[in-house]
Amino acid sequence: MVVQRHRGRGGAVAAVGSLLVGLVTTGCSGMGAAADERGPADEGGGGSESAAAAVHRAADVLVRSGSSRARTSMETATGGTRVTIRGRGAFDYGRRIGRLRVVLPQDAAGDEEHRPVTELLSPGALYMKDRGAGVPPDKWVRVDTTALADGNLVTGGATDPLSAAELLRGARQVEYAGEETAAEDGARVLHYRGTADIERAAKAASPHARGALEAAARGFSEDAVPFDAYLDEQGRLRKVRHRFTFSNGSGTAGTEVVSTTVLYGFGSWVDVELPAERDIYAGKIAVPEA
């Protein structure tokens, strides 16, 4: 996962997490997208739904879908160095909780293996086990995601599916980019691209997601996040890729974080229980210098 030393609108804030990359976030700059609000049906002239409307309702459809399996990847690129964090797990969208097993890459020298981190995601909180840095192996670390300057969009090393979908409520300049095939099961998916506005998403978000997105809207100096979203014929989000760009404040190229979430196996059994209070580590967490 990513340790961030945010320097947003309100000053510097240190975020907890296992040290992988130090990101300085004085500003988040996004790429533009062509303004085309048509959906696939609209191109034929009749049109039943705009591209923007299809993307905006992705979070609601996901909740109604019940559950799914998930694959995540988060790639950072800075100064010619690329680092990728990968995760696998499952989510219960009705209960709004999920589990990921996040695999950290080797150190830059390639000579150190990192133990996988188990993450439990829930509204307003991220729980991590095998976090390291002095935390007992049988204890969980709990992080208040509404207190993170990015609302945990990237700090945890994965953007959880519901947060990724809620961010699409702020989609604008949406264009339909064509039909594709899902690699997992061969399903037909419709590809949309555009820019998500974090502040707009926070205002439109479901109550369980609003606090974290409001934190992200305050923490980022620019709200625009380019995305590619793939929806199946039932409107379910099958894949979404967000591109976050963090300025380093010195006028040079910053750090790009590409977060991809792939959903499949809808209806899968998901057994996730949040830790009891006695299992949560209450000590100080060491955050090494970047």
Protein backbone atom coordinates (compact mmCIF):
# COMPACT_ATOMS: atom_id res chain seq x y z
CA MET A 1 0.00 0.00 0.00
CA VAL A 2 1.06 3.60 -0.41
CA VAL A 3 2.25 5.97 2.26
CA GLN A 4 1.29 9.50 1.39
CA ARG A 5 2.53 12.73 2.82
CA HIS A 6 -0.29 14.93 1.61
CA ARG A 7 0.23 18.64 1.19
CA GLY A 8 -3.23 19.64 0.07
CA ARG A 9 -5.30 22.77 0.58
CA GLY A 10 -5.05 22.59 4.33
CA GLY A 11 -1.34 21.81 4.81
CA ALA A 12 0.72 18.68 5.33
CA VAL A 13 -0.95 15.54 6.66
CA ALA A 14 0.84 12.21 7.26
CA ALA A 15 -1.18 9.12 6.30
CA VAL A 16 -0.49 5.68 7.75
CA GLY A 17 0.24 2.59 5.68
CA SER A 18 3.08 0.25 4.79
CA LEU A 19 5.89 2.17 3.15
CA LEU A 20 6.10 1.59 -0.57
CA VAL A 21 6.30 4.97 -2.26
CA GLY A 22 6.20 8.52 -0.83
CA LEU A 23 3.68 10.59 -2.73
CA VAL A 24 3.64 14.35 -2.39
CA THR A 25 0.18 15.56 -3.29
CA THR A 26 0.21 19.30 -3.60
CA GLY A 27 -2.15 18.87 -6.51
CA CYS A 28 -3.89 16.27 -8.64
CA SER A 29 -4.00 17.15 -12.34
CA GLY A 30 -6.23 15.27 -14.76
CA MET A 31 -6.39 14.75 -18.49
CA GLY A 32 -9.35 16.01 -20.42
CA ALA A 33 -11.80 13.88 -22.39
CA ALA A 34 -13.89 14.55 -25.44
CA ALA A 35 -17.33 15.89 -24.55
CA ASP A 36 -19.64 13.19 -25.89
CA GLU A 37 -22.54 12.25 -23.65
CA ARG A 38 -24.07 9.71 -26.04
CA GLY A 39 -24.60 6.10 -25.11
CA PRO A 40 -24.40 3.12 -27.47
CA ALA A 41 -28.10 3.25 -28.30
CA ASP A 42 -27.95 6.99 -28.95
CA GLU A 43 -25.55 6.46 -31.83
CA GLY A 44 -28.35 4.81 -33.75
CA GLY A 45 -30.57 7.83 -33.25
CA GLY A 46 -33.13 6.33 -30.85
CA GLY A 47 -31.06 6.29 -27.65
CA SER A 48 -32.53 5.05 -24.37
CA GLU A 49 -29.82 6.24 -22.00
CA SER A 50 -26.88 8.60 -22.17
CA ALA A 51 -23.34 7.46 -21.51
CA ALA A 52 -23.18 9.71 -18.47
CA ALA A 53 -26.39 8.27 -16.99
CA ALA A 54 -25.13 4.70 -17.40
CA VAL A 55 -21.90 5.52 -15.58
CA HIS A 56 -23.59 7.60 -12.86
CA ARG A 57 -25.81 4.71 -11.77
CA ALA A 58 -23.01 2.12 -11.67
CA ALA A 59 -22.75 2.29 -7.86
CA ASP A 60 -26.48 1.65 -7.37
CA VAL A 61 -26.41 -1.30 -9.76
CA LEU A 62 -23.39 -2.73 -7.96
CA VAL A 63 -25.20 -2.66 -4.61
CA ARG A 64 -28.20 -4.42 -6.14
CA SER A 65 -25.91 -7.08 -7.66
CA GLY A 66 -25.18 -8.48 -4.18
CA SER A 67 -21.57 -9.64 -4.30
CA SER A 68 -18.63 -10.47 -6.53
CA ARG A 69 -15.01 -11.49 -6.69
CA ALA A 70 -12.44 -8.76 -7.36
CA ARG A 71 -8.94 -8.24 -8.72
CA THR A 72 -7.11 -5.00 -8.15
CA SER A 73 -3.86 -3.46 -9.27
CA MET A 74 -2.27 -0.15 -8.43
CA GLU A 75 0.71 1.03 -10.42
CA THR A 76 2.81 4.04 -9.53
CA ALA A 77 5.24 5.68 -11.91
CA THR A 78 7.69 8.35 -10.86
CA GLY A 79 11.09 9.27 -12.24
CA GLY A 80 11.14 6.27 -14.55
CA THR A 81 10.43 3.80 -11.71
CA ARG A 82 7.27 1.68 -11.81
CA VAL A 83 5.89 -0.26 -8.86
CA THR A 84 2.73 -2.40 -8.94
CA ILE A 85 0.65 -3.62 -6.00
CA ARG A 86 -1.86 -6.40 -6.72
CA GLY A 87 -4.83 -7.68 -4.78
CA ARG A 88 -7.53 -10.36 -4.91
CA GLY A 89 -10.64 -10.76 -2.86
CA ALA A 90 -14.41 -10.56 -2.63
CA PHE A 91 -17.02 -7.96 -1.71
CA ASP A 92 -20.50 -8.00 -0.24
CA TYR A 93 -22.11 -4.89 -1.69
CA GLY A 94 -25.27 -5.15 0.37
CA ARG A 95 -23.26 -5.04 3.61
CA ARG A 96 -20.70 -2.75 1.97
CA ILE A 97 -17.73 -4.73 3.22
CA GLY A 98 -15.00 -6.71 1.50
CA ARG A 99 -11.69 -8.49 1.88
CA LEU A 100 -8.52 -8.15 -0.18
CA ARG A 101 -5.20 -9.99 -0.02
CA VAL A 102 -2.73 -7.36 -1.18
CA VAL A 103 0.65 -8.48 -2.49
CA LEU A 104 3.45 -5.95 -2.22
CA PRO A 105 6.31 -6.05 -4.73
CA GLN A 106 9.94 -6.67 -3.94
CA ASP A 107 12.08 -3.77 -2.85
CA ALA A 108 13.72 -1.79 -5.62
CA ALA A 109 16.85 -3.94 -5.28
CA GLY A 110 14.70 -7.03 -5.74
CA ASP A 111 16.13 -8.82 -2.71
CA GLU A 112 13.34 -8.59 -0.15
CA GLU A 113 9.98 -10.36 -0.15
CA HIS A 114 7.06 -8.63 1.53
CA ARG A 115 4.43 -10.62 3.36
CA PRO A 116 0.95 -10.21 1.81
CA VAL A 117 -1.32 -7.82 3.70
CA THR A 118 -4.93 -8.71 4.45
CA GLU A 119 -7.29 -5.75 4.16
CA LEU A 120 -10.91 -5.47 5.24
CA LEU A 121 -12.78 -2.54 3.74
CA SER A 122 -15.92 -1.06 5.22
CA PRO A 123 -17.66 2.33 5.21
CA GLY A 124 -15.31 4.81 6.85
CA ALA A 125 -12.67 2.28 7.91
CA LEU A 126 -9.80 0.21 6.54
CA TYR A 127 -8.50 -2.74 8.60
CA MET A 128 -5.04 -4.19 7.86
CA LYS A 129 -3.39 -7.37 9.16
CA ASP A 130 0.27 -8.34 8.75
CA ARG A 131 0.86 -4.65 8.52
CA GLY A 132 4.36 -4.94 10.07
CA ALA A 133 6.21 -1.97 11.60
CA GLY A 134 5.92 -3.33 15.15
CA VAL A 135 2.29 -4.43 15.01
CA PRO A 136 1.74 -7.87 16.65
CA PRO A 137 0.91 -10.53 14.03
CA ASP A 138 -2.45 -11.33 15.61
CA LYS A 139 -3.63 -7.71 15.63
CA TRP A 140 -5.37 -5.53 13.09
CA VAL A 141 -4.62 -1.88 12.36
CA ARG A 142 -7.71 0.28 11.90
CA VAL A 143 -7.54 3.43 9.78
CA ASP A 144 -10.31 6.04 9.66
CA THR A 145 -10.60 6.63 5.91
CA THR A 146 -12.48 9.89 6.40
CA ALA A 147 -9.32 11.25 8.07
CA LEU A 148 -7.07 10.38 5.12
CA ALA A 149 -6.41 13.23 2.71
CA ASP A 150 -7.26 11.00 -0.26
CA GLY A 151 -10.23 9.26 1.41
CA ASN A 152 -8.35 5.97 0.87
CA LEU A 153 -8.66 6.15 -2.89
CA VAL A 154 -5.00 5.11 -3.14
CA THR A 155 -3.51 4.92 0.38
CA GLY A 156 -4.52 1.28 0.94
CA GLY A 157 -2.88 0.10 -2.27
CA ALA A 158 -6.26 -0.62 -3.89
CA THR A 159 -9.39 1.36 -4.67
CA ASP A 160 -12.22 -0.73 -3.30
CA PRO A 161 -15.05 -1.44 -5.78
CA LEU A 162 -17.71 0.64 -4.08
CA SER A 163 -15.45 3.68 -3.76
CA ALA A 164 -14.45 3.26 -7.40
CA ALA A 165 -18.11 3.11 -8.41
CA GLU A 166 -19.13 6.01 -6.15
CA LEU A 167 -16.42 8.15 -7.74
CA LEU A 168 -18.18 7.63 -11.08
CA ARG A 169 -21.18 9.59 -9.76
CA GLY A 170 -19.05 12.63 -10.49
CA ALA A 171 -18.43 11.60 -14.11
CA ARG A 172 -18.51 14.30 -16.76
CA GLN A 173 -17.38 14.62 -20.37
CA VAL A 174 -18.37 10.97 -20.77
CA GLU A 175 -18.05 9.29 -24.16
CA TYR A 176 -19.00 5.84 -25.35
CA ALA A 177 -15.83 4.14 -26.60
CA GLY A 178 -17.25 0.92 -28.04
CA GLU A 179 -18.00 -2.69 -27.22
CA GLU A 180 -15.42 -5.12 -25.83
CA THR A 181 -15.23 -8.58 -24.28
CA ALA A 182 -14.49 -9.25 -20.59
CA ALA A 183 -11.38 -11.38 -20.24
CA GLU A 184 -12.74 -13.28 -17.20
CA ASP A 185 -15.87 -14.82 -18.77
CA GLY A 186 -16.27 -13.50 -22.31
CA ALA A 187 -19.19 -11.23 -21.39
CA ARG A 188 -20.05 -8.31 -23.65
CA VAL A 189 -19.12 -5.01 -21.98
CA LEU A 190 -19.60 -1.40 -23.00
CA HIS A 191 -16.57 0.86 -22.64
CA TYR A 192 -17.00 4.44 -21.43
CA ARG A 193 -14.34 7.03 -20.76
CA GLY A 194 -14.43 10.45 -19.20
CA THR A 195 -13.36 12.48 -16.19
CA ALA A 196 -14.67 12.06 -12.64
CA ASP A 197 -14.97 15.16 -10.49
CA ILE A 198 -14.28 14.18 -6.86
CA GLU A 199 -16.21 17.06 -5.30
CA ARG A 200 -19.20 16.41 -7.53
CA ALA A 201 -19.04 12.70 -6.65
CA ALA A 202 -18.94 13.49 -2.93
CA LYS A 203 -22.11 15.57 -3.19
CA ALA A 204 -23.94 12.80 -5.06
CA ALA A 205 -22.49 9.87 -3.07
CA SER A 206 -24.42 7.41 -0.93
CA PRO A 207 -24.25 8.22 2.80
CA HIS A 208 -21.77 5.40 3.52
CA ALA A 209 -19.26 6.77 0.98
CA ARG A 210 -19.76 10.50 1.40
CA GLY A 211 -17.31 11.08 4.27
CA ALA A 212 -14.33 9.51 2.50
CA LEU A 213 -15.05 11.29 -0.78
CA GLU A 214 -15.50 14.60 1.03
CA ALA A 215 -12.06 14.05 2.57
CA ALA A 216 -10.62 13.36 -0.89
CA ALA A 217 -12.30 16.47 -2.28
CA ARG A 218 -10.65 18.55 0.45
CA GLY A 219 -7.27 16.82 0.14
CA PHE A 220 -6.81 17.08 -3.62
CA SER A 221 -6.12 20.55 -5.03
CA GLU A 222 -7.58 19.40 -8.38
CA ASP A 223 -10.67 17.22 -8.52
CA ALA A 224 -10.42 15.81 -12.08
CA VAL A 225 -9.66 12.07 -12.35
CA PRO A 226 -9.69 10.48 -15.84
CA PHE A 227 -11.32 7.04 -15.99
CA ASP A 228 -12.23 4.13 -18.23
CA ALA A 229 -15.29 2.16 -17.11
CA TYR A 230 -16.67 -1.09 -18.54
CA LEU A 231 -20.29 -2.05 -17.85
CA ASP A 232 -22.03 -5.29 -18.79
CA GLU A 233 -25.49 -5.52 -20.32
CA GLN A 234 -27.06 -5.41 -16.86
CA GLY A 235 -25.26 -2.17 -16.05
CA ARG A 236 -22.87 -3.87 -13.62
CA LEU A 237 -19.39 -2.43 -13.32
CA ARG A 238 -16.98 -5.06 -14.62
CA LYS A 239 -13.81 -3.01 -14.79
CA VAL A 240 -12.77 0.53 -13.95
CA ARG A 241 -9.44 2.27 -14.26
CA HIS A 242 -8.75 5.61 -12.58
CA ARG A 243 -5.66 7.72 -13.26
CA PHE A 244 -4.52 9.88 -10.38
CA THR A 245 -1.67 12.33 -10.99
CA PHE A 246 0.06 13.89 -8.01
CA SER A 247 2.17 17.01 -8.47
CA ASN A 248 5.40 17.22 -6.48
CA GLY A 249 5.06 20.99 -6.14
CA SER A 250 8.38 21.79 -7.83
CA GLY A 251 7.11 22.26 -11.35
CA THR A 252 8.51 18.91 -12.52
CA ALA A 253 6.61 15.75 -13.40
CA GLY A 254 4.83 14.23 -10.45
CA THR A 255 3.72 10.70 -9.61
CA GLU A 256 1.05 8.92 -11.63
CA VAL A 257 -1.05 6.28 -9.89
CA VAL A 258 -3.18 4.02 -12.09
CA SER A 259 -5.75 2.08 -10.06
CA THR A 260 -7.63 -0.76 -11.78
CA THR A 261 -10.49 -2.77 -10.29
CA VAL A 262 -11.88 -5.84 -12.09
CA LEU A 263 -15.13 -7.47 -10.92
CA TYR A 264 -16.37 -10.95 -11.83
CA GLY A 265 -18.14 -13.95 -10.32
CA PHE A 266 -21.23 -12.01 -9.30
CA GLY A 267 -23.28 -13.78 -6.67
CA SER A 268 -20.22 -15.46 -5.12
CA TRP A 269 -20.39 -16.37 -1.45
CA VAL A 270 -18.59 -13.73 0.63
CA ASP A 271 -17.72 -14.39 4.27
CA VAL A 272 -16.27 -11.25 5.84
CA GLU A 273 -16.45 -10.28 9.51
CA LEU A 274 -14.88 -7.12 10.88
CA PRO A 275 -12.43 -7.54 13.79
CA ALA A 276 -13.58 -7.26 17.37
CA GLU A 277 -12.31 -4.28 19.31
CA ARG A 278 -9.95 -6.49 21.35
CA ASP A 279 -8.20 -7.57 18.13
CA ILE A 280 -7.37 -4.04 17.02
CA TYR A 281 -3.89 -2.71 17.75
CA ALA A 282 -3.97 0.40 19.90
CA GLY A 283 -0.24 1.22 19.89
CA LYS A 284 1.74 3.68 17.84
CA ILE A 285 2.37 2.77 14.21
CA ALA A 286 5.85 3.45 12.85
CA VAL A 287 5.86 5.18 9.46
CA PRO A 288 9.38 5.20 7.98
CA GLU A 289 10.67 8.15 6.01
CA ALA A 290 10.30 8.00 2.24
